[in-house]
Every structure is written in structure tokens, then in C-alpha cells.
Amino acid sequence: MCNEHYIVKSVDGMINVYNKNESNEENLVYETKIFTKYLPKEDQTKLKEGINIIGKENLSSLIEDYE
């Protein structure tokens, strides 16, 4: 995976952004200050599983949707 492939997921009740390296290991890119408990249950479920995003613009747009 390249640095344009991201995984957005919930960890300890907050949204974090990861990318994967060549070994398929997830590396934390950054932690948001967005609490998932205020989001609809459907979004919480998706974030627990992880949402794959390609591109920084798409990532920014998704994060803005949750803010």
C-alpha cells in the first residue's frame, strides 16, 4: 500500500487514521479528537470494522463528515 491508502477506525472511543506498510501492518498516522459515542450506531459499527479510504482529499472529507 502507498501513503495514499488510509484506514479510518475507532480505537478506545475515538477516531484514528492509519495506513499500512509493505508488511500489511497498520501504522498510526494521527489521532483525531472525535468521539464516536456521538455518532449514529451505523457509523460506529463501520468505524469499529475500519473504513478504507484512498487519497488525502477523500480522507479529509470523511473526517469532516464526522466532526
Protein backbone atom coordinates (compact mmCIF):
# COMPACT_ATOMS: atom_id res chain seq x y z
CA MET A 1 0.00 0.00 0.00
CA CYS A 2 1.12 3.53 -0.63
CA ASN A 3 0.83 6.56 1.59
CA GLU A 4 -2.48 7.46 -0.10
CA HIS A 5 -4.33 4.42 1.30
CA TYR A 6 -5.83 5.02 4.73
CA ILE A 7 -7.89 3.12 7.27
CA VAL A 8 -10.15 5.19 9.50
CA LYS A 9 -11.32 3.37 12.60
CA SER A 10 -12.46 3.68 16.16
CA VAL A 11 -9.99 2.91 18.93
CA ASP A 12 -10.92 3.47 22.57
CA GLY A 13 -13.93 5.54 21.52
CA MET A 14 -12.03 7.95 19.27
CA ILE A 15 -11.41 8.04 15.53
CA ASN A 16 -7.85 7.29 14.42
CA VAL A 17 -6.27 7.28 10.97
CA TYR A 18 -3.86 4.55 9.89
CA ASN A 19 -2.02 3.44 6.79
CA LYS A 20 -0.49 0.04 6.01
CA ASN A 21 3.14 -0.68 5.25
CA GLU A 22 4.56 -3.31 2.88
CA SER A 23 4.19 -5.96 5.61
CA ASN A 24 0.46 -5.17 5.86
CA GLU A 25 0.95 -3.71 9.36
CA GLU A 26 -1.17 -0.73 10.35
CA ASN A 27 0.74 2.40 11.31
CA LEU A 28 -0.93 5.25 13.15
CA VAL A 29 -0.93 8.41 11.03
CA TYR A 30 -2.79 10.58 13.53
CA GLU A 31 -5.42 10.58 16.24
CA THR A 32 -8.44 12.81 15.91
CA LYS A 33 -10.25 14.32 18.85
CA ILE A 34 -13.57 12.98 17.56
CA PHE A 35 -15.53 10.79 19.96
CA THR A 36 -17.52 8.01 18.31
CA LYS A 37 -20.18 7.93 21.04
CA TYR A 38 -21.82 10.98 19.45
CA LEU A 39 -22.11 9.33 16.03
CA PRO A 40 -25.02 7.22 14.75
CA LYS A 41 -24.77 3.49 15.56
CA GLU A 42 -24.28 2.63 11.88
CA ASP A 43 -21.22 4.88 11.69
CA GLN A 44 -19.88 3.46 14.95
CA THR A 45 -20.14 -0.05 13.52
CA LYS A 46 -18.34 0.93 10.31
CA LEU A 47 -15.57 2.60 12.27
CA LYS A 48 -15.08 -0.44 14.50
CA GLU A 49 -14.51 -2.54 11.37
CA GLY A 50 -12.39 0.16 9.71
CA ILE A 51 -13.16 2.27 6.67
CA ASN A 52 -10.70 2.12 3.77
CA ILE A 53 -10.09 5.45 2.04
CA ILE A 54 -7.86 6.31 -0.90
CA GLY A 55 -6.50 9.84 -1.21
CA LYS A 56 -5.96 12.71 1.18
CA GLU A 57 -8.94 14.67 -0.16
CA ASN A 58 -11.28 11.72 0.44
CA LEU A 59 -9.79 11.27 3.91
CA SER A 60 -10.30 14.94 4.76
CA SER A 61 -13.87 14.78 3.51
CA LEU A 62 -14.67 11.71 5.62
CA ILE A 63 -13.14 13.24 8.77
CA GLU A 64 -15.10 16.47 8.18
CA ASP A 65 -18.32 14.43 7.97
CA TYR A 66 -17.67 13.11 11.48
CA GLU A 67 -16.71 16.46 13.03
